[in-house]
Protein backbone atom coordinates (compact mmCIF):
# COMPACT_ATOMS: atom_id res chain seq x y z
CA MET A 1 -13.27 -10.14 19.27
CA SER A 2 -13.86 -12.86 16.71
CA MET A 3 -13.78 -12.36 12.96
CA PRO A 4 -16.95 -13.03 10.95
CA THR A 5 -17.06 -16.42 9.31
CA PRO A 6 -17.30 -16.24 5.51
CA THR A 7 -20.12 -18.07 3.77
CA PRO A 8 -19.02 -21.58 2.76
CA SER A 9 -17.70 -21.59 -0.77
CA PRO A 10 -19.00 -23.95 -3.44
CA PHE A 11 -15.51 -23.71 -5.00
CA GLY A 12 -13.41 -25.13 -2.14
CA SER A 13 -11.08 -23.60 0.44
CA PRO A 14 -9.75 -20.08 -0.17
CA VAL A 15 -6.04 -19.68 -0.88
CA PRO A 16 -4.30 -16.60 0.62
CA SER A 17 -3.36 -14.50 -2.39
CA THR A 18 -3.59 -11.04 -3.89
CA THR A 19 -2.91 -12.19 -7.45
CA VAL A 20 -4.98 -14.31 -9.81
CA THR A 21 -3.68 -15.69 -13.09
CA ILE A 22 -6.04 -16.16 -16.02
CA MET A 23 -4.75 -19.13 -18.01
CA ASN A 24 -6.23 -22.09 -19.89
CA PHE A 25 -9.71 -20.54 -19.61
CA ALA A 26 -9.60 -20.56 -15.79
CA PHE A 27 -8.91 -18.23 -12.87
CA SER A 28 -6.06 -19.56 -10.71
CA PRO A 29 -6.41 -19.84 -7.84
CA GLN A 30 -10.18 -20.06 -8.28
CA VAL A 31 -10.88 -19.00 -4.68
CA ILE A 32 -8.66 -16.56 -2.80
CA ALA A 33 -8.69 -15.06 0.69
CA VAL A 34 -7.68 -11.45 1.35
CA HIS A 35 -8.13 -8.84 4.06
CA ALA A 36 -10.35 -5.78 3.80
CA GLY A 37 -8.33 -3.03 2.12
CA ASP A 38 -6.27 -5.44 -0.01
CA THR A 39 -5.89 -4.98 -3.76
CA VAL A 40 -6.28 -8.04 -5.96
CA THR A 41 -4.61 -8.12 -9.38
CA TRP A 42 -5.79 -10.39 -12.20
CA THR A 43 -3.37 -11.00 -15.11
CA ASN A 44 -4.48 -12.55 -18.39
CA GLN A 45 -1.93 -15.05 -19.70
CA ASP A 46 -4.28 -16.61 -22.27
CA ALA A 47 -4.21 -15.82 -25.97
CA ASP A 48 -7.95 -15.02 -25.79
CA ALA A 49 -9.40 -11.94 -24.09
CA HIS A 50 -11.19 -12.40 -20.75
CA THR A 51 -13.03 -10.20 -18.24
CA VAL A 52 -13.39 -10.08 -14.48
CA THR A 53 -17.09 -9.36 -13.94
CA PHE A 54 -18.57 -9.30 -10.43
CA ASP A 55 -21.79 -11.28 -10.11
CA SER A 56 -23.35 -8.84 -7.62
CA ASP A 57 -23.57 -5.83 -9.90
CA GLY A 58 -21.92 -6.62 -13.25
CA THR A 59 -19.03 -4.20 -12.70
CA GLY A 60 -15.43 -5.16 -13.33
CA SER A 61 -12.90 -5.08 -16.11
CA THR A 62 -13.09 -4.40 -19.79
CA PRO A 63 -11.85 -7.31 -21.94
CA LEU A 64 -8.24 -8.03 -20.99
CA ASP A 65 -5.91 -8.97 -23.84
CA THR A 66 -2.85 -11.16 -23.25
CA GLY A 67 -0.55 -9.65 -20.60
CA LYS A 68 -3.09 -7.05 -19.44
CA THR A 69 -4.10 -6.68 -15.79
CA PHE A 70 -7.11 -5.57 -13.76
CA GLN A 71 -6.97 -4.44 -10.13
CA HIS A 72 -9.73 -4.12 -7.57
CA ILE A 73 -9.58 -2.96 -3.94
CA PHE A 74 -11.84 -4.93 -1.59
CA ALA A 75 -12.80 -2.40 1.08
CA ALA A 76 -15.23 -4.47 3.16
CA PRO A 77 -15.51 -8.07 4.35
CA GLY A 78 -17.69 -10.46 2.38
CA THR A 79 -17.67 -13.09 -0.31
CA PHE A 80 -17.42 -11.77 -3.86
CA THR A 81 -18.08 -14.11 -6.78
CA TYR A 82 -17.09 -13.23 -10.33
CA HIS A 83 -16.95 -14.67 -13.83
CA CYS A 84 -15.68 -13.94 -17.33
CA SER A 85 -18.50 -12.30 -19.27
CA ILE A 86 -17.04 -13.66 -22.53
CA HIS A 87 -16.68 -17.25 -21.24
CA ASN A 88 -19.36 -17.73 -18.56
CA SER A 89 -18.00 -21.11 -17.45
CA MET A 90 -14.97 -19.29 -15.98
CA THR A 91 -15.77 -18.43 -12.35
CA GLY A 92 -13.95 -17.35 -9.23
CA GLU A 93 -14.43 -16.05 -5.72
CA VAL A 94 -12.72 -13.61 -3.37
CA VAL A 95 -13.30 -14.10 0.37
CA VAL A 96 -12.55 -10.87 2.28
CA THR A 97 -12.11 -10.86 6.07
C-alpha cells in the first residue's frame, strides 16, 4: 500500500522534525514533515511576540512571548500552512503523512 503524495510545497523540501524555532522573524525549519499523530512544538526565541496561525481556519496560538511554546497534534495526513498573525510575512508549512 503506497502512502499519499503530499501537494508540492512552494517553500521547498520538508525537513523531518517535530520542533520549530521562531527566531529572526522566521520559522525554522520553514517546512517540516511529520507523521499523523505527531505533536509539533513551536518555541519563540525572538524578543518580539509571534503567533502560529493556521491558514485553513485561523486557529492556533495566542501571542507567544520569548521562551514560550505552542504545541499542536496533527491527527490526519495533509499539508498545513501557517503564518504569524502579527508579522504576516512569516510563513511555514507542516506536511503530514
